[in-house]
């Protein structure tokens, strides 16, 4: 390889190494708690990540509420 090509590849590699994608936290009981949720929402800069995180927490909380149930007996029959 000649020098200009090597220099161009080096410059491109350095520029691309700075292009990192912002990581979104995993939805869990600790990250979707009201205080932690607001903290993570304020830390996310990308609007698409904010929407995705809010949807993920909404889905997590919905699934959690569907799993949490208690037995309620039927009223006694009076025949």
N, C-alpha and C. Protein backbone atom coordinates (compact mmCIF):
# COMPACT_ATOMS: atom_id res chain seq x y z
N UNK A 1 0.84 -1.18 0.00
CA UNK A 1 0.00 0.00 0.00
C UNK A 1 0.88 1.24 0.00
N UNK A 2 0.45 2.23 -0.72
CA UNK A 2 1.23 3.46 -0.74
C UNK A 2 0.83 4.35 0.44
N UNK A 3 1.63 5.36 0.69
CA UNK A 3 1.46 6.22 1.86
C UNK A 3 0.12 6.97 1.89
N UNK A 4 -0.36 7.56 0.79
CA UNK A 4 -1.65 8.28 0.88
C UNK A 4 -2.82 7.35 1.22
N UNK A 5 -2.80 6.15 0.70
CA UNK A 5 -3.89 5.21 1.00
C UNK A 5 -3.86 4.81 2.47
N UNK A 6 -2.67 4.57 2.99
CA UNK A 6 -2.53 4.20 4.39
C UNK A 6 -2.96 5.35 5.29
N UNK A 7 -2.59 6.56 4.92
CA UNK A 7 -2.98 7.73 5.71
C UNK A 7 -4.50 7.92 5.66
N UNK A 8 -5.10 7.73 4.49
CA UNK A 8 -6.54 7.89 4.35
C UNK A 8 -7.27 6.83 5.19
N UNK A 9 -6.80 5.60 5.17
CA UNK A 9 -7.41 4.55 5.97
C UNK A 9 -7.28 4.82 7.47
N UNK A 10 -6.15 5.37 7.86
CA UNK A 10 -5.95 5.71 9.27
C UNK A 10 -6.92 6.79 9.71
N UNK A 11 -7.08 7.81 8.89
CA UNK A 11 -8.01 8.91 9.20
C UNK A 11 -9.43 8.38 9.29
N UNK A 12 -9.83 7.55 8.35
CA UNK A 12 -11.19 7.00 8.36
C UNK A 12 -11.41 6.14 9.60
N UNK A 13 -10.42 5.32 9.95
CA UNK A 13 -10.55 4.47 11.13
C UNK A 13 -10.70 5.30 12.40
N UNK A 14 -9.95 6.39 12.50
CA UNK A 14 -10.04 7.25 13.68
C UNK A 14 -11.40 7.93 13.74
N UNK A 15 -11.89 8.39 12.61
CA UNK A 15 -13.19 9.06 12.59
C UNK A 15 -14.32 8.09 12.94
N UNK A 16 -14.25 6.87 12.42
CA UNK A 16 -15.31 5.91 12.69
C UNK A 16 -15.26 5.38 14.12
N UNK A 17 -14.11 5.39 14.74
CA UNK A 17 -14.03 4.90 16.11
C UNK A 17 -14.78 5.83 17.07
N UNK A 18 -14.95 7.09 16.72
CA UNK A 18 -15.68 8.03 17.55
C UNK A 18 -17.18 7.93 17.39
N UNK A 19 -17.65 7.20 16.38
CA UNK A 19 -19.08 7.07 16.14
C UNK A 19 -19.62 5.91 16.96
N UNK A 20 -19.96 6.19 18.19
CA UNK A 20 -20.51 5.15 19.05
C UNK A 20 -21.99 5.36 19.22
N UNK A 21 -22.71 4.29 19.33
CA UNK A 21 -24.14 4.39 19.54
C UNK A 21 -24.42 4.47 21.04
N UNK A 22 -25.33 5.32 21.40
CA UNK A 22 -25.70 5.48 22.80
C UNK A 22 -26.42 4.21 23.27
N UNK A 23 -26.01 3.70 24.41
CA UNK A 23 -26.63 2.47 24.90
C UNK A 23 -27.84 2.78 25.75
N UNK A 24 -28.87 2.01 25.55
CA UNK A 24 -30.10 2.17 26.29
C UNK A 24 -30.09 1.17 27.44
N UNK A 25 -30.46 1.58 28.65
CA UNK A 25 -30.49 0.63 29.77
C UNK A 25 -31.58 -0.42 29.56
N UNK A 26 -31.33 -1.60 30.10
CA UNK A 26 -32.30 -2.68 30.02
C UNK A 26 -33.47 -2.39 30.96
N UNK A 27 -34.69 -2.62 30.51
CA UNK A 27 -35.82 -2.41 31.40
C UNK A 27 -35.85 -3.48 32.50
N UNK A 28 -35.92 -3.04 33.73
CA UNK A 28 -36.00 -3.94 34.88
C UNK A 28 -36.74 -3.20 35.99
N UNK A 29 -36.94 -3.88 37.09
CA UNK A 29 -37.65 -3.25 38.21
C UNK A 29 -36.87 -2.05 38.74
N UNK A 30 -35.54 -2.13 38.70
CA UNK A 30 -34.74 -1.03 39.24
C UNK A 30 -34.63 0.13 38.25
N UNK A 31 -34.59 -0.13 36.96
CA UNK A 31 -34.46 0.97 36.00
C UNK A 31 -35.80 1.60 35.64
N UNK A 32 -36.88 0.87 35.84
CA UNK A 32 -38.20 1.41 35.51
C UNK A 32 -38.94 1.97 36.73
N UNK A 33 -38.28 1.98 37.89
CA UNK A 33 -38.86 2.64 39.06
C UNK A 33 -38.97 4.13 38.76
N UNK A 34 -39.96 4.83 39.30
CA UNK A 34 -40.19 6.23 38.93
C UNK A 34 -38.96 7.14 39.03
N UNK A 35 -38.22 7.07 40.12
CA UNK A 35 -37.04 7.95 40.26
C UNK A 35 -35.94 7.58 39.28
N UNK A 36 -35.67 6.28 39.17
CA UNK A 36 -34.62 5.83 38.25
C UNK A 36 -35.02 6.08 36.80
N UNK A 37 -36.31 5.92 36.51
CA UNK A 37 -36.80 6.15 35.14
C UNK A 37 -36.52 7.59 34.72
N UNK A 38 -36.83 8.56 35.58
CA UNK A 38 -36.58 9.97 35.26
C UNK A 38 -35.08 10.23 35.09
N UNK A 39 -34.26 9.60 35.91
CA UNK A 39 -32.82 9.77 35.81
C UNK A 39 -32.30 9.26 34.47
N UNK A 40 -32.73 8.07 34.07
CA UNK A 40 -32.28 7.51 32.80
C UNK A 40 -32.83 8.29 31.62
N UNK A 41 -34.05 8.78 31.72
CA UNK A 41 -34.63 9.57 30.62
C UNK A 41 -33.84 10.86 30.43
N UNK A 42 -33.39 11.47 31.53
CA UNK A 42 -32.62 12.72 31.40
C UNK A 42 -31.22 12.47 30.85
N UNK A 43 -30.69 11.26 31.07
CA UNK A 43 -29.34 10.94 30.57
C UNK A 43 -29.34 10.59 29.09
N UNK A 44 -30.46 10.11 28.56
CA UNK A 44 -30.51 9.74 27.14
C UNK A 44 -30.62 11.00 26.29
N UNK A 45 -29.71 11.14 25.33
CA UNK A 45 -29.70 12.32 24.47
C UNK A 45 -30.53 12.12 23.21
N UNK A 46 -30.55 10.91 22.69
CA UNK A 46 -31.25 10.63 21.44
C UNK A 46 -32.74 10.43 21.70
N UNK A 47 -33.57 11.15 20.97
CA UNK A 47 -35.02 11.08 21.17
C UNK A 47 -35.56 9.68 20.86
N UNK A 48 -34.99 9.03 19.87
CA UNK A 48 -35.43 7.67 19.53
C UNK A 48 -35.15 6.71 20.69
N UNK A 49 -34.00 6.87 21.34
CA UNK A 49 -33.69 6.03 22.50
C UNK A 49 -34.60 6.32 23.67
N UNK A 50 -34.98 7.58 23.85
CA UNK A 50 -35.92 7.93 24.93
C UNK A 50 -37.27 7.25 24.71
N UNK A 51 -37.75 7.33 23.47
CA UNK A 51 -39.04 6.71 23.15
C UNK A 51 -38.96 5.20 23.32
N UNK A 52 -37.87 4.60 22.86
CA UNK A 52 -37.70 3.15 22.97
C UNK A 52 -37.62 2.73 24.44
N UNK A 53 -36.90 3.49 25.26
CA UNK A 53 -36.78 3.17 26.69
C UNK A 53 -38.13 3.32 27.38
N UNK A 54 -38.86 4.38 27.06
CA UNK A 54 -40.18 4.59 27.67
C UNK A 54 -41.13 3.45 27.29
N UNK A 55 -41.11 3.05 26.02
CA UNK A 55 -41.95 1.94 25.58
C UNK A 55 -41.55 0.63 26.24
N UNK A 56 -40.24 0.41 26.38
CA UNK A 56 -39.76 -0.82 27.01
C UNK A 56 -40.18 -0.88 28.47
N UNK A 57 -40.08 0.25 29.18
CA UNK A 57 -40.50 0.28 30.59
C UNK A 57 -42.01 0.11 30.71
N UNK A 58 -42.75 0.70 29.80
CA UNK A 58 -44.20 0.56 29.82
C UNK A 58 -44.58 -0.91 29.61
N UNK A 59 -43.93 -1.56 28.68
CA UNK A 59 -44.17 -2.97 28.42
C UNK A 59 -43.75 -3.83 29.61
N UNK A 60 -42.60 -3.51 30.20
CA UNK A 60 -42.13 -4.26 31.38
C UNK A 60 -43.12 -4.14 32.52
N UNK A 61 -43.59 -2.93 32.79
CA UNK A 61 -44.54 -2.72 33.89
C UNK A 61 -45.87 -3.41 33.62
N UNK A 62 -46.31 -3.41 32.35
CA UNK A 62 -47.56 -4.08 31.98
C UNK A 62 -47.42 -5.59 32.19
N UNK A 63 -46.29 -6.17 31.77
CA UNK A 63 -46.06 -7.60 31.95
C UNK A 63 -45.97 -7.94 33.44
N UNK A 64 -45.34 -7.07 34.20
CA UNK A 64 -45.21 -7.30 35.64
C UNK A 64 -46.59 -7.28 36.31
N UNK A 65 -47.44 -6.35 35.89
CA UNK A 65 -48.77 -6.27 36.50
C UNK A 65 -49.63 -7.47 36.10
N UNK A 66 -49.39 -8.04 34.93
CA UNK A 66 -50.14 -9.21 34.51
C UNK A 66 -49.72 -10.46 35.29
N UNK A 67 -48.47 -10.50 35.71
CA UNK A 67 -47.99 -11.64 36.49
C UNK A 67 -48.40 -11.55 37.96
N UNK A 68 -48.59 -10.33 38.45
CA UNK A 68 -48.97 -10.14 39.85
C UNK A 68 -50.49 -10.21 39.96
N UNK A 69 -50.98 -11.24 40.58
CA UNK A 69 -52.41 -11.38 40.78
C UNK A 69 -52.62 -12.06 42.11
N UNK A 70 -53.82 -11.95 42.60
CA UNK A 70 -54.15 -12.64 43.84
C UNK A 70 -55.47 -13.36 43.65
N UNK A 71 -55.61 -14.42 44.36
CA UNK A 71 -56.82 -15.23 44.27
C UNK A 71 -57.96 -14.53 44.98
N UNK A 72 -59.07 -14.38 44.28
CA UNK A 72 -60.28 -13.81 44.86
C UNK A 72 -61.39 -14.86 44.72
N UNK A 73 -61.81 -15.46 45.81
CA UNK A 73 -62.83 -16.49 45.71
C UNK A 73 -64.17 -15.91 45.28
N UNK A 74 -64.91 -16.72 44.61
CA UNK A 74 -66.26 -16.32 44.19
C UNK A 74 -67.16 -16.22 45.41
N UNK A 75 -68.18 -15.40 45.31
CA UNK A 75 -69.10 -15.34 46.45
C UNK A 75 -69.82 -16.68 46.64
N UNK A 76 -70.22 -16.93 47.84
CA UNK A 76 -70.90 -18.20 48.14
C UNK A 76 -72.22 -18.25 47.42
N UNK A 77 -72.52 -19.44 46.92
CA UNK A 77 -73.82 -19.64 46.24
C UNK A 77 -74.92 -19.82 47.25
N UNK A 78 -76.08 -19.30 46.95
CA UNK A 78 -77.23 -19.45 47.84
C UNK A 78 -78.37 -20.05 47.03
N UNK A 79 -78.42 -21.38 47.01
CA UNK A 79 -79.45 -22.07 46.23
C UNK A 79 -80.64 -22.35 47.06
